Amino acid sequence: MKRLLLNIGFGNVVASHRVVAIVTPGSAPVKRLKDYAKKTGKLVIAIDLNPLSRTAQTADVTIVDNVVRAVPNILAAVKELKKLDRSELNGIVGRFDNQRNLAETLLFLRDRLTALAKGD
């Protein structure tokens, strides 16, 4: 079986068999994808520039960033997480709160925009 590589920018590629779905901004299938993921024991991870979008709000894990910047960071994190045993990984997943993550992101954005407005 031939494996395809998807170019995600800046010389980075990801194996196509690792991609579950690529959701375009104009569509709204995230809730269906999340329902399917829940039935199959998977998580929906969204990369979105807008922490207030339906995609960001619905996903189990939202990464507020550009996909070209986010994917290399995700791959680096995966290398580190591979060193942990299953119980440690389950603990990390169990403690993660996407709504808190999004709230902290919004606070960071507020503070950064305030500093920029003041010329800091």
PDB file of N, CA and C in Angstrom:
ATOM      1  N   MET A   1       0.831  -1.171   0.000  1.00  0.00           N
ATOM      2  CA  MET A   1       0.000   0.000   0.000  1.00  0.00           C
ATOM      3  C   MET A   1       0.888   1.252   0.000  1.00  0.00           C
ATOM      4  N   LYS A   2       0.630   2.142  -0.937  1.00  0.00           N
ATOM      5  CA  LYS A   2       1.396   3.362  -1.055  1.00  0.00           C
ATOM      6  C   LYS A   2       0.882   4.401  -0.060  1.00  0.00           C
ATOM      7  N   ARG A   3       1.785   4.987   0.716  1.00  0.00           N
ATOM      8  CA  ARG A   3       1.422   6.012   1.692  1.00  0.00           C
ATOM      9  C   ARG A   3       1.660   7.383   1.077  1.00  0.00           C
ATOM     10  N   LEU A   4       0.697   8.254   1.217  1.00  0.00           N
ATOM     11  CA  LEU A   4       0.819   9.612   0.721  1.00  0.00           C
ATOM     12  C   LEU A   4       1.222  10.542   1.846  1.00  0.00           C
ATOM     13  N   LEU A   5       2.015  11.550   1.510  1.00  0.00           N
ATOM     14  CA  LEU A   5       2.399  12.571   2.468  1.00  0.00           C
ATOM     15  C   LEU A   5       1.696  13.861   2.100  1.00  0.00           C
ATOM     16  N   LEU A   6       1.136  14.528   3.098  1.00  0.00           N
ATOM     17  CA  LEU A   6       0.460  15.800   2.891  1.00  0.00           C
ATOM     18  C   LEU A   6       1.398  16.926   3.306  1.00  0.00           C
ATOM     19  N   ASN A   7       1.632  17.863   2.402  1.00  0.00           N
ATOM     20  CA  ASN A   7       2.472  19.014   2.687  1.00  0.00           C
ATOM     21  C   ASN A   7       1.666  19.989   3.529  1.00  0.00           C
ATOM     22  N   ILE A   8       2.161  20.289   4.721  1.00  0.00           N
ATOM     23  CA  ILE A   8       1.461  21.226   5.605  1.00  0.00           C
ATOM     24  C   ILE A   8       2.204  22.553   5.725  1.00  0.00           C
ATOM     25  N   GLY A   9       3.200  22.746   4.886  1.00  0.00           N
ATOM     26  CA  GLY A   9       3.904  24.025   4.826  1.00  0.00           C
ATOM     27  C   GLY A   9       5.266  24.021   5.477  1.00  0.00           C
ATOM     28  N   PHE A  10       6.121  24.913   5.000  1.00  0.00           N
ATOM     29  CA  PHE A  10       7.472  25.112   5.523  1.00  0.00           C
ATOM     30  C   PHE A  10       8.267  23.808   5.601  1.00  0.00           C
ATOM     31  N   GLY A  11       8.125  22.951   4.591  1.00  0.00           N
ATOM     32  CA  GLY A  11       8.878  21.709   4.534  1.00  0.00           C
ATOM     33  C   GLY A  11       8.363  20.613   5.453  1.00  0.00           C
ATOM     34  N   ASN A  12       7.225  20.818   6.098  1.00  0.00           N
ATOM     35  CA  ASN A  12       6.656  19.823   7.000  1.00  0.00           C
ATOM     36  C   ASN A  12       5.611  18.987   6.268  1.00  0.00           C
ATOM     37  N   VAL A  13       5.606  17.698   6.537  1.00  0.00           N
ATOM     38  CA  VAL A  13       4.621  16.797   5.957  1.00  0.00           C
ATOM     39  C   VAL A  13       4.043  15.910   7.044  1.00  0.00           C
ATOM     40  N   VAL A  14       2.859  15.372   6.779  1.00  0.00           N
ATOM     41  CA  VAL A  14       2.246  14.418   7.692  1.00  0.00           C
ATOM     42  C   VAL A  14       1.731  13.258   6.846  1.00  0.00           C
ATOM     43  N   ALA A  15       1.861  12.039   7.356  1.00  0.00           N
ATOM     44  CA  ALA A  15       1.384  10.863   6.628  1.00  0.00           C
ATOM     45  C   ALA A  15      -0.132  10.902   6.533  1.00  0.00           C
ATOM     46  N   SER A  16      -0.660  10.728   5.344  1.00  0.00           N
ATOM     47  CA  SER A  16      -2.102  10.862   5.126  1.00  0.00           C
ATOM     48  C   SER A  16      -2.901   9.845   5.934  1.00  0.00           C
ATOM     49  N   HIS A  17      -2.342   8.671   6.220  1.00  0.00           N
ATOM     50  CA  HIS A  17      -3.090   7.677   6.990  1.00  0.00           C
ATOM     51  C   HIS A  17      -3.254   8.088   8.453  1.00  0.00           C
ATOM     52  N   ARG A  18      -2.542   9.132   8.886  1.00  0.00           N
ATOM     53  CA  ARG A  18      -2.665   9.631  10.250  1.00  0.00           C
ATOM     54  C   ARG A  18      -3.757  10.691  10.392  1.00  0.00           C
ATOM     55  N   VAL A  19      -4.239  11.207   9.268  1.00  0.00           N
ATOM     56  CA  VAL A  19      -5.236  12.270   9.285  1.00  0.00           C
ATOM     57  C   VAL A  19      -6.632  11.660   9.301  1.00  0.00           C
ATOM     58  N   VAL A  20      -7.429  12.031  10.290  1.00  0.00           N
ATOM     59  CA  VAL A  20      -8.802  11.541  10.388  1.00  0.00           C
ATOM     60  C   VAL A  20      -9.719  12.402   9.542  1.00  0.00           C
ATOM     61  N   ALA A  21      -9.563  13.720   9.652  1.00  0.00           N
ATOM     62  CA  ALA A  21     -10.420  14.632   8.895  1.00  0.00           C
ATOM     63  C   ALA A  21      -9.755  15.990   8.791  1.00  0.00           C
ATOM     64  N   ILE A  22     -10.007  16.631   7.692  1.00  0.00           N
ATOM     65  CA  ILE A  22      -9.617  18.024   7.530  1.00  0.00           C
ATOM     66  C   ILE A  22     -10.913  18.781   7.326  1.00  0.00           C
ATOM     67  N   VAL A  23     -11.229  19.655   8.267  1.00  0.00           N
ATOM     68  CA  VAL A  23     -12.501  20.366   8.235  1.00  0.00           C
ATOM     69  C   VAL A  23     -12.258  21.779   7.735  1.00  0.00           C
ATOM     70  N   THR A  24     -12.980  22.167   6.711  1.00  0.00           N
ATOM     71  CA  THR A  24     -12.825  23.515   6.174  1.00  0.00           C
ATOM     72  C   THR A  24     -13.597  24.497   7.041  1.00  0.00           C
ATOM     73  N   PRO A  25     -13.147  25.740   7.090  1.00  0.00           N
ATOM     74  CA  PRO A  25     -13.807  26.721   7.955  1.00  0.00           C
ATOM     75  C   PRO A  25     -15.279  26.953   7.620  1.00  0.00           C
ATOM     76  N   GLY A  26     -15.674  26.752   6.369  1.00  0.00           N
ATOM     77  CA  GLY A  26     -17.052  27.015   5.976  1.00  0.00           C
ATOM     78  C   GLY A  26     -18.029  25.903   6.302  1.00  0.00           C
ATOM     79  N   SER A  27     -17.532  24.761   6.799  1.00  0.00           N
ATOM     80  CA  SER A  27     -18.430  23.648   7.100  1.00  0.00           C
ATOM     81  C   SER A  27     -18.632  23.523   8.599  1.00  0.00           C
ATOM     82  N   ALA A  28     -19.638  22.748   8.986  1.00  0.00           N
ATOM     83  CA  ALA A  28     -19.926  22.602  10.418  1.00  0.00           C
ATOM     84  C   ALA A  28     -20.103  21.143  10.826  1.00  0.00           C
ATOM     85  N   PRO A  29     -19.172  20.254  10.442  1.00  0.00           N
ATOM     86  CA  PRO A  29     -19.323  18.840  10.807  1.00  0.00           C
ATOM     87  C   PRO A  29     -18.653  18.461  12.118  1.00  0.00           C
ATOM     88  N   VAL A  30     -18.155  19.432  12.862  1.00  0.00           N
ATOM     89  CA  VAL A  30     -17.372  19.105  14.054  1.00  0.00           C
ATOM     90  C   VAL A  30     -18.197  18.363  15.090  1.00  0.00           C
ATOM     91  N   LYS A  31     -19.449  18.747  15.281  1.00  0.00           N
ATOM     92  CA  LYS A  31     -20.283  18.045  16.259  1.00  0.00           C
ATOM     93  C   LYS A  31     -20.457  16.583  15.855  1.00  0.00           C
ATOM     94  N   ARG A  32     -20.711  16.327  14.565  1.00  0.00           N
ATOM     95  CA  ARG A  32     -20.832  14.935  14.099  1.00  0.00           C
ATOM     96  C   ARG A  32     -19.512  14.195  14.282  1.00  0.00           C
ATOM     97  N   LEU A  33     -18.413  14.866  13.974  1.00  0.00           N
ATOM     98  CA  LEU A  33     -17.103  14.250  14.143  1.00  0.00           C
ATOM     99  C   LEU A  33     -16.850  13.941  15.617  1.00  0.00           C
ATOM    100  N   LYS A  34     -17.258  14.861  16.497  1.00  0.00           N
ATOM    101  CA  LYS A  34     -17.071  14.635  17.935  1.00  0.00           C
ATOM    102  C   LYS A  34     -17.935  13.468  18.413  1.00  0.00           C
ATOM    103  N   ASP A  35     -19.172  13.369  17.926  1.00  0.00           N
ATOM    104  CA  ASP A  35     -20.035  12.239  18.293  1.00  0.00           C
ATOM    105  C   ASP A  35     -19.401  10.922  17.860  1.00  0.00           C
ATOM    106  N   TYR A  36     -18.876  10.888  16.637  1.00  0.00           N
ATOM    107  CA  TYR A  36     -18.220   9.679  16.131  1.00  0.00           C
ATOM    108  C   TYR A  36     -16.973   9.359  16.964  1.00  0.00           C
ATOM    109  N   ALA A  37     -16.183  10.395  17.266  1.00  0.00           N
ATOM    110  CA  ALA A  37     -14.960  10.186  18.047  1.00  0.00           C
ATOM    111  C   ALA A  37     -15.286   9.621  19.424  1.00  0.00           C
ATOM    112  N   LYS A  38     -16.350  10.136  20.038  1.00  0.00           N
ATOM    113  CA  LYS A  38     -16.745   9.651  21.366  1.00  0.00           C
ATOM    114  C   LYS A  38     -17.106   8.167  21.313  1.00  0.00           C
ATOM    115  N   LYS A  39     -17.843   7.766  20.275  1.00  0.00           N
ATOM    116  CA  LYS A  39     -18.234   6.357  20.127  1.00  0.00           C
ATOM    117  C   LYS A  39     -17.025   5.452  19.928  1.00  0.00           C
ATOM    118  N   THR A  40     -15.977   5.976  19.286  1.00  0.00           N
ATOM    119  CA  THR A  40     -14.809   5.158  18.967  1.00  0.00           C
ATOM    120  C   THR A  40     -13.642   5.378  19.927  1.00  0.00           C
ATOM    121  N   GLY A  41     -13.868   6.185  20.983  1.00  0.00           N
ATOM    122  CA  GLY A  41     -12.827   6.393  21.983  1.00  0.00           C
ATOM    123  C   GLY A  41     -11.704   7.316  21.537  1.00  0.00           C
ATOM    124  N   LYS A  42     -12.001   8.220  20.632  1.00  0.00           N
ATOM    125  CA  LYS A  42     -10.997   9.159  20.141  1.00  0.00           C
ATOM    126  C   LYS A  42     -11.351  10.577  20.590  1.00  0.00           C
ATOM    127  N   LEU A  43     -10.443  11.495  20.363  1.00  0.00           N
ATOM    128  CA  LEU A  43     -10.658  12.899  20.699  1.00  0.00           C
ATOM    129  C   LEU A  43     -10.606  13.745  19.430  1.00  0.00           C
ATOM    130  N   VAL A  44     -11.338  14.837  19.437  1.00  0.00           N
ATOM    131  CA  VAL A  44     -11.273  15.789  18.332  1.00  0.00           C
ATOM    132  C   VAL A  44     -10.316  16.899  18.746  1.00  0.00           C
ATOM    133  N   ILE A  45      -9.247  17.045  17.980  1.00  0.00           N
ATOM    134  CA  ILE A  45      -8.277  18.103  18.207  1.00  0.00           C
ATOM    135  C   ILE A  45      -8.429  19.095  17.064  1.00  0.00           C
ATOM    136  N   ALA A  46      -8.713  20.340  17.396  1.00  0.00           N
ATOM    137  CA  ALA A  46      -8.910  21.373  16.383  1.00  0.00           C
ATOM    138  C   ALA A  46      -7.787  22.395  16.459  1.00  0.00           C
ATOM    139  N   ILE A  47      -7.328  22.806  15.294  1.00  0.00           N
ATOM    140  CA  ILE A  47      -6.385  23.913  15.203  1.00  0.00           C
ATOM    141  C   ILE A  47      -7.163  25.044  14.555  1.00  0.00           C
ATOM    142  N   ASP A  48      -7.328  26.135  15.289  1.00  0.00           N
ATOM    143  CA  ASP A  48      -8.183  27.229  14.832  1.00  0.00           C
ATOM    144  C   ASP A  48      -7.593  28.545  15.331  1.00  0.00           C
ATOM    145  N   LEU A  49      -7.589  29.543  14.473  1.00  0.00           N
ATOM    146  CA  LEU A  49      -7.094  30.858  14.890  1.00  0.00           C
ATOM    147  C   LEU A  49      -8.072  31.591  15.792  1.00  0.00           C
ATOM    148  N   ASN A  50      -9.341  31.189  15.762  1.00  0.00           N
ATOM    149  CA  ASN A  50     -10.385  31.893  16.502  1.00  0.00           C
ATOM    150  C   ASN A  50     -10.857  31.052  17.693  1.00  0.00           C
ATOM    151  N   PRO A  51     -10.512  31.443  18.920  1.00  0.00           N
ATOM    152  CA  PRO A  51     -10.934  30.662  20.086  1.00  0.00           C
ATOM    153  C   PRO A  51     -12.438  30.733  20.351  1.00  0.00           C
ATOM    154  N   LEU A  52     -13.150  31.608  19.650  1.00  0.00           N
ATOM    155  CA  LEU A  52     -14.595  31.732  19.838  1.00  0.00           C
ATOM    156  C   LEU A  52     -15.398  31.002  18.762  1.00  0.00           C
ATOM    157  N   SER A  53     -14.728  30.356  17.821  1.00  0.00           N
ATOM    158  CA  SER A  53     -15.444  29.675  16.740  1.00  0.00           C
ATOM    159  C   SER A  53     -16.178  28.437  17.246  1.00  0.00           C
ATOM    160  N   ARG A  54     -17.177  27.992  16.476  1.00  0.00           N
ATOM    161  CA  ARG A  54     -17.892  26.767  16.845  1.00  0.00           C
ATOM    162  C   ARG A  54     -16.947  25.578  16.890  1.00  0.00           C
ATOM    163  N   THR A  55     -16.002  25.536  15.958  1.00  0.00           N
ATOM    164  CA  THR A  55     -15.035  24.439  15.938  1.00  0.00           C
ATOM    165  C   THR A  55     -14.227  24.418  17.232  1.00  0.00           C
ATOM    166  N   ALA A  56     -13.700  25.569  17.615  1.00  0.00           N
ATOM    167  CA  ALA A  56     -12.886  25.659  18.838  1.00  0.00           C
ATOM    168  C   ALA A  56     -13.705  25.293  20.071  1.00  0.00           C
ATOM    169  N   GLN A  57     -14.943  25.756  20.119  1.00  0.00           N
ATOM    170  CA  GLN A  57     -15.803  25.510  21.275  1.00  0.00           C
ATOM    171  C   GLN A  57     -16.246  24.050  21.371  1.00  0.00           C
ATOM    172  N   THR A  58     -16.364  23.371  20.234  1.00  0.00           N
ATOM    173  CA  THR A  58     -16.882  22.001  20.211  1.00  0.00           C
ATOM    174  C   THR A  58     -15.802  20.945  20.401  1.00  0.00           C
ATOM    175  N   ALA A  59     -14.591  21.234  19.962  1.00  0.00           N
ATOM    176  CA  ALA A  59     -13.506  20.245  20.009  1.00  0.00           C
ATOM    177  C   ALA A  59     -13.178  19.843  21.447  1.00  0.00           C
ATOM    178  N   ASP A  60     -12.565  18.672  21.589  1.00  0.00           N
ATOM    179  CA  ASP A  60     -12.096  18.221  22.903  1.00  0.00           C
ATOM    180  C   ASP A  60     -10.824  18.971  23.298  1.00  0.00           C
ATOM    181  N   VAL A  61      -9.984  19.247  22.309  1.00  0.00           N
ATOM    182  CA  VAL A  61      -8.733  19.976  22.510  1.00  0.00           C
ATOM    183  C   VAL A  61      -8.628  20.994  21.380  1.00  0.00           C
ATOM    184  N   THR A  62      -8.483  22.265  21.754  1.00  0.00           N
ATOM    185  CA  THR A  62      -8.325  23.307  20.748  1.00  0.00           C
ATOM    186  C   THR A  62      -6.946  23.911  20.869  1.00  0.00           C
ATOM    187  N   ILE A  63      -6.272  23.987  19.733  1.00  0.00           N
ATOM    188  CA  ILE A  63      -4.981  24.652  19.645  1.00  0.00           C
ATOM    189  C   ILE A  63      -5.241  25.938  18.874  1.00  0.00           C
ATOM    190  N   VAL A  64      -5.099  27.068  19.556  1.00  0.00           N
ATOM    191  CA  VAL A  64      -5.368  28.358  18.919  1.00  0.00           C
ATOM    192  C   VAL A  64      -4.067  28.819  18.274  1.00  0.00           C
ATOM    193  N   ASP A  65      -3.980  28.565  16.969  1.00  0.00           N
ATOM    194  CA  ASP A  65      -2.766  28.890  16.228  1.00  0.00           C
ATOM    195  C   ASP A  65      -3.021  28.634  14.749  1.00  0.00           C
ATOM    196  N   ASN A  66      -2.022  28.926  13.949  1.00  0.00           N
ATOM    197  CA  ASN A  66      -2.034  28.611  12.530  1.00  0.00           C
ATOM    198  C   ASN A  66      -1.533  27.179  12.372  1.00  0.00           C
ATOM    199  N   VAL A  67      -2.137  26.422  11.475  1.00  0.00           N
ATOM    200  CA  VAL A  67      -1.791  25.007  11.316  1.00  0.00           C
ATOM    201  C   VAL A  67      -0.319  24.818  10.959  1.00  0.00           C
ATOM    202  N   VAL A  68       0.242  25.716  10.186  1.00  0.00           N
ATOM    203  CA  VAL A  68       1.645  25.578   9.783  1.00  0.00           C
ATOM    204  C   VAL A  68       2.571  25.700  10.990  1.00  0.00           C
ATOM    205  N   ARG A  69       2.227  26.549  11.936  1.00  0.00           N
ATOM    206  CA  ARG A  69       3.031  26.667  13.161  1.00  0.00           C
ATOM    207  C   ARG A  69       2.703  25.562  14.155  1.00  0.00           C
ATOM    208  N   ALA A  70       1.442  25.165  14.213  1.00  0.00           N
ATOM    209  CA  ALA A  70       1.005  24.226  15.244  1.00  0.00           C
ATOM    210  C   ALA A  70       1.495  22.803  15.015  1.00  0.00           C
ATOM    211  N   VAL A  71       1.457  22.329  13.791  1.00  0.00           N
ATOM    212  CA  VAL A  71       1.772  20.913  13.540  1.00  0.00           C
ATOM    213  C   VAL A  71       3.193  20.541  13.973  1.00  0.00           C
ATOM    214  N   PRO A  72       4.224  21.313  13.649  1.00  0.00           N
ATOM    215  CA  PRO A  72       5.556  20.933  14.150  1.00  0.00           C
ATOM    216  C   PRO A  72       5.615  20.880  15.682  1.00  0.00           C
ATOM    217  N   ASN A  73       4.913  21.789  16.351  1.00  0.00           N
ATOM    218  CA  ASN A  73       4.875  21.763  17.820  1.00  0.00           C
ATOM    219  C   ASN A  73       4.145  20.524  18.330  1.00  0.00           C
ATOM    220  N   ILE A  74       3.069  20.144  17.647  1.00  0.00           N
ATOM    221  CA  ILE A  74       2.337  18.928  18.019  1.00  0.00           C
ATOM    222  C   ILE A  74       3.234  17.709  17.863  1.00  0.00           C
ATOM    223  N   LEU A  75       3.943  17.636  16.749  1.00  0.00           N
ATOM    224  CA  LEU A  75       4.822  16.490  16.508  1.00  0.00           C
ATOM    225  C   LEU A  75       5.918  16.400  17.572  1.00  0.00           C
ATOM    226  N   ALA A  76       6.456  17.546  17.986  1.00  0.00           N
ATOM    227  CA  ALA A  76       7.473  17.553  19.050  1.00  0.00           C
ATOM    228  C   ALA A  76       6.866  17.078  20.368  1.00  0.00           C
ATOM    229  N   ALA A  77       5.638  17.525  20.666  1.00  0.00           N
ATOM    230  CA  ALA A  77       4.970  17.105  21.902  1.00  0.00           C
ATOM    231  C   ALA A  77       4.689  15.607  21.885  1.00  0.00           C
ATOM    232  N   VAL A  78       4.298  15.090  20.730  1.00  0.00           N
ATOM    233  CA  VAL A  78       4.008  13.650  20.610  1.00  0.00           C
ATOM    234  C   VAL A  78       5.258  12.831  20.917  1.00  0.00           C
ATOM    235  N   LYS A  79       6.415  13.279  20.444  1.00  0.00           N
ATOM    236  CA  LYS A  79       7.671  12.567  20.744  1.00  0.00           C
ATOM    237  C   LYS A  79       7.893  12.469  22.250  1.00  0.00           C
ATOM    238  N   GLU A  80       7.613  13.542  22.963  1.00  0.00           N
ATOM    239  CA  GLU A  80       7.769  13.543  24.422  1.00  0.00           C
ATOM    240  C   GLU A  80       6.711  12.669  25.093  1.00  0.00           C
ATOM    241  N   LEU A  81       5.480  12.756  24.615  1.00  0.00           N
ATOM    242  CA  LEU A  81       4.392  11.979  25.224  1.00  0.00           C
ATOM    243  C   LEU A  81       4.552  10.480  25.007  1.00  0.00           C
ATOM    244  N   LYS A  82       5.231  10.094  23.951  1.00  0.00           N
ATOM    245  CA  LYS A  82       5.459   8.661  23.678  1.00  0.00           C
ATOM    246  C   LYS A  82       6.278   8.007  24.787  1.00  0.00           C
ATOM    247  N   LYS A  83       7.005   8.814  25.543  1.00  0.00           N
ATOM    248  CA  LYS A  83       7.846   8.290  26.622  1.00  0.00           C
ATOM    249  C   LYS A  83       7.029   7.921  27.872  1.00  0.00           C
ATOM    250  N   LEU A  84       5.784   8.389  27.928  1.00  0.00           N
ATOM    251  CA  LEU A  84       4.945   8.147  29.105  1.00  0.00           C
ATOM    252  C   LEU A  84       4.169   6.847  28.963  1.00  0.00           C
ATOM    253  N   ASP A  85       3.811   6.251  30.099  1.00  0.00           N
ATOM    254  CA  ASP A  85       2.988   5.046  30.031  1.00  0.00           C
ATOM    255  C   ASP A  85       1.513   5.418  29.900  1.00  0.00           C
ATOM    256  N   ARG A  86       0.701   4.436  29.614  1.00  0.00           N
ATOM    257  CA  ARG A  86      -0.728   4.649  29.316  1.00  0.00           C
ATOM    258  C   ARG A  86      -1.461   5.352  30.468  1.00  0.00           C
ATOM    259  N   SER A  87      -1.157   4.995  31.706  1.00  0.00           N
ATOM    260  CA  SER A  87      -1.865   5.620  32.833  1.00  0.00           C
ATOM    261  C   SER A  87      -1.525   7.102  32.953  1.00  0.00           C
ATOM    262  N   GLU A  88      -0.264   7.452  32.702  1.00  0.00           N
ATOM    263  CA  GLU A  88       0.109   8.869  32.728  1.00  0.00           C
ATOM    264  C   GLU A  88      -0.597   9.647  31.615  1.00  0.00           C
ATOM    265  N   LEU A  89      -0.662   9.048  30.432  1.00  0.00           N
ATOM    266  CA  LEU A  89      -1.347   9.695  29.311  1.00  0.00           C
ATOM    267  C   LEU A  89      -2.834   9.872  29.598  1.00  0.00           C
ATOM    268  N   ASN A  90      -3.455   8.840  30.165  1.00  0.00           N
ATOM    269  CA  ASN A  90      -4.875   8.943  30.519  1.00  0.00           C
ATOM    270  C   ASN A  90      -5.107  10.040  31.552  1.00  0.00           C
ATOM    271  N   GLY A  91      -4.172  10.203  32.486  1.00  0.00           N
ATOM    272  CA  GLY A  91      -4.278  11.260  33.486  1.00  0.00           C
ATOM    273  C   GLY A  91      -4.218  12.644  32.860  1.00  0.00           C
ATOM    274  N   ILE A  92      -3.320  12.818  31.896  1.00  0.00           N
ATOM    275  CA  ILE A  92      -3.200  14.104  31.204  1.00  0.00           C
ATOM    276  C   ILE A  92      -4.494  14.423  30.467  1.00  0.00           C
ATOM    277  N   VAL A  93      -5.011  13.443  29.749  1.00  0.00           N
ATOM    278  CA  VAL A  93      -6.255  13.643  28.999  1.00  0.00           C
ATOM    279  C   VAL A  93      -7.416  13.923  29.953  1.00  0.00           C
ATOM    280  N   GLY A  94      -7.481  13.176  31.050  1.00  0.00           N
ATOM    281  CA  GLY A  94      -8.571  13.341  32.009  1.00  0.00           C
ATOM    282  C   GLY A  94      -8.581  14.695  32.702  1.00  0.00           C
ATOM    283  N   ARG A  95      -7.401  15.271  32.893  1.00  0.00           N
ATOM    284  CA  ARG A  95      -7.306  16.570  33.571  1.00  0.00           C
ATOM    285  C   ARG A  95      -7.482  17.755  32.619  1.00  0.00           C
ATOM    286  N   PHE A  96      -7.394  17.520  31.324  1.00  0.00           N
ATOM    287  CA  PHE A  96      -7.463  18.636  30.374  1.00  0.00           C
ATOM    288  C   PHE A  96      -8.882  19.177  30.289  1.00  0.00           C
ATOM    289  N   ASP A  97      -9.005  20.484  30.378  1.00  0.00           N
ATOM    290  CA  ASP A  97     -10.299  21.166  30.300  1.00  0.00           C
ATOM    291  C   ASP A  97     -10.228  22.175  29.156  1.00  0.00           C
ATOM    292  N   ASN A  98     -10.860  21.849  28.033  1.00  0.00           N
ATOM    293  CA  ASN A  98     -10.778  22.711  26.862  1.00  0.00           C
ATOM    294  C   ASN A  98     -11.419  24.076  27.104  1.00  0.00           C
ATOM    295  N   GLN A  99     -12.491  24.130  27.879  1.00  0.00           N
ATOM    296  CA  GLN A  99     -13.120  25.425  28.148  1.00  0.00           C
ATOM    297  C   GLN A  99     -12.177  26.315  28.958  1.00  0.00           C
ATOM    298  N   ARG A 100     -11.474  25.750  29.910  1.00  0.00           N
ATOM    299  CA  ARG A 100     -10.488  26.523  30.668  1.00  0.00           C
ATOM    300  C   ARG A 100      -9.342  26.951  29.751  1.00  0.00           C
ATOM    301  N   ASN A 101      -8.905  26.046  28.875  1.00  0.00           N
ATOM    302  CA  ASN A 101      -7.865  26.343  27.900  1.00  0.00           C
ATOM    303  C   ASN A 101      -8.264  27.542  27.036  1.00  0.00           C
ATOM    304  N   LEU A 102      -9.496  27.549  26.545  1.00  0.00           N
ATOM    305  CA  LEU A 102      -9.970  28.644  25.705  1.00  0.00           C
ATOM    306  C   LEU A 102     -10.093  29.940  26.507  1.00  0.00           C
ATOM    307  N   ALA A 103     -10.552  29.850  27.746  1.00  0.00           N
ATOM    308  CA  ALA A 103     -10.669  31.032  28.594  1.00  0.00           C
ATOM    309  C   ALA A 103      -9.292  31.656  28.847  1.00  0.00           C
ATOM    310  N   GLU A 104      -8.306  30.823  29.134  1.00  0.00           N
ATOM    311  CA  GLU A 104      -6.950  31.322  29.356  1.00  0.00           C
ATOM    312  C   GLU A 104      -6.374  31.930  28.078  1.00  0.00           C
ATOM    313  N   THR A 105      -6.699  31.348  26.939  1.00  0.00           N
ATOM    314  CA  THR A 105      -6.255  31.898  25.654  1.00  0.00           C
ATOM    315  C   THR A 105      -6.850  33.279  25.437  1.00  0.00           C
ATOM    316  N   LEU A 106      -8.142  33.434  25.723  1.00  0.00           N
ATOM    317  CA  LEU A 106      -8.792  34.736  25.561  1.00  0.00           C
ATOM    318  C   LEU A 106      -8.177  35.784  26.494  1.00  0.00           C
ATOM    319  N   LEU A 107      -7.871  35.392  27.723  1.00  0.00           N
ATOM    320  CA  LEU A 107      -7.227  36.317  28.655  1.00  0.00           C
ATOM    321  C   LEU A 107      -5.839  36.727  28.153  1.00  0.00           C
ATOM    322  N   PHE A 108      -5.109  35.780  27.612  1.00  0.00           N
ATOM    323  CA  PHE A 108      -3.790  36.085  27.051  1.00  0.00           C
ATOM    324  C   PHE A 108      -3.931  37.062  25.885  1.00  0.00           C
ATOM    325  N   LEU A 109      -4.878  36.796  25.003  1.00  0.00           N
ATOM    326  CA  LEU A 109      -5.091  37.681  23.853  1.00  0.00           C
ATOM    327  C   LEU A 109      -5.498  39.085  24.310  1.00  0.00           C
ATOM    328  N   ARG A 110      -6.369  39.154  25.308  1.00  0.00           N
ATOM    329  CA  ARG A 110      -6.783  40.459  25.847  1.00  0.00           C
ATOM    330  C   ARG A 110      -5.579  41.234  26.367  1.00  0.00           C
ATOM    331  N   ASP A 111      -4.755  40.559  27.167  1.00  0.00           N
ATOM    332  CA  ASP A 111      -3.596  41.226  27.753  1.00  0.00           C
ATOM    333  C   ASP A 111      -2.594  41.649  26.678  1.00  0.00           C
ATOM    334  N   ARG A 112      -2.407  40.804  25.689  1.00  0.00           N
ATOM    335  CA  ARG A 112      -1.460  41.128  24.606  1.00  0.00           C
ATOM    336  C   ARG A 112      -1.960  42.307  23.785  1.00  0.00           C
ATOM    337  N   LEU A 113      -3.243  42.308  23.458  1.00  0.00           N
ATOM    338  CA  LEU A 113      -3.808  43.414  22.684  1.00  0.00           C
ATOM    339  C   LEU A 113      -3.787  44.730  23.483  1.00  0.00           C
ATOM    340  N   THR A 114      -4.021  44.640  24.775  1.00  0.00           N
ATOM    341  CA  THR A 114      -3.948  45.830  25.629  1.00  0.00           C
ATOM    342  C   THR A 114      -2.524  46.392  25.624  1.00  0.00           C
ATOM    343  N   ALA A 115      -1.541  45.517  25.758  1.00  0.00           N
ATOM    344  CA  ALA A 115      -0.145  45.960  25.742  1.00  0.00           C
ATOM    345  C   ALA A 115       0.214  46.586  24.393  1.00  0.00           C
ATOM    346  N   LEU A 116      -0.229  45.994  23.320  1.00  0.00           N
ATOM    347  CA  LEU A 116       0.038  46.557  21.997  1.00  0.00           C
ATOM    348  C   LEU A 116      -0.619  47.916  21.826  1.00  0.00           C
ATOM    349  N   ALA A 117      -1.843  48.057  22.335  1.00  0.00           N
ATOM    350  CA  ALA A 117      -2.560  49.324  22.225  1.00  0.00           C
ATOM    351  C   ALA A 117      -1.845  50.426  23.007  1.00  0.00           C
ATOM    352  N   LYS A 118      -1.189  50.065  24.097  1.00  0.00           N
ATOM    353  CA  LYS A 118      -0.454  51.033  24.904  1.00  0.00           C
ATOM    354  C   LYS A 118       0.942  51.297  24.359  1.00  0.00           C
ATOM    355  N   GLY A 119       1.331  50.531  23.343  1.00  0.00           N
ATOM    356  CA  GLY A 119       2.660  50.705  22.751  1.00  0.00           C
ATOM    357  C   GLY A 119       3.743  49.937  23.455  1.00  0.00           C
ATOM    358  N   ASP A 120       3.372  48.987  24.278  1.00  0.00           N
ATOM    359  CA  ASP A 120       4.381  48.169  24.999  1.00  0.00           C
ATOM    360  C   ASP A 120       5.014  47.134  24.086  1.00  0.00           C
TER     361      ASP A 120
END
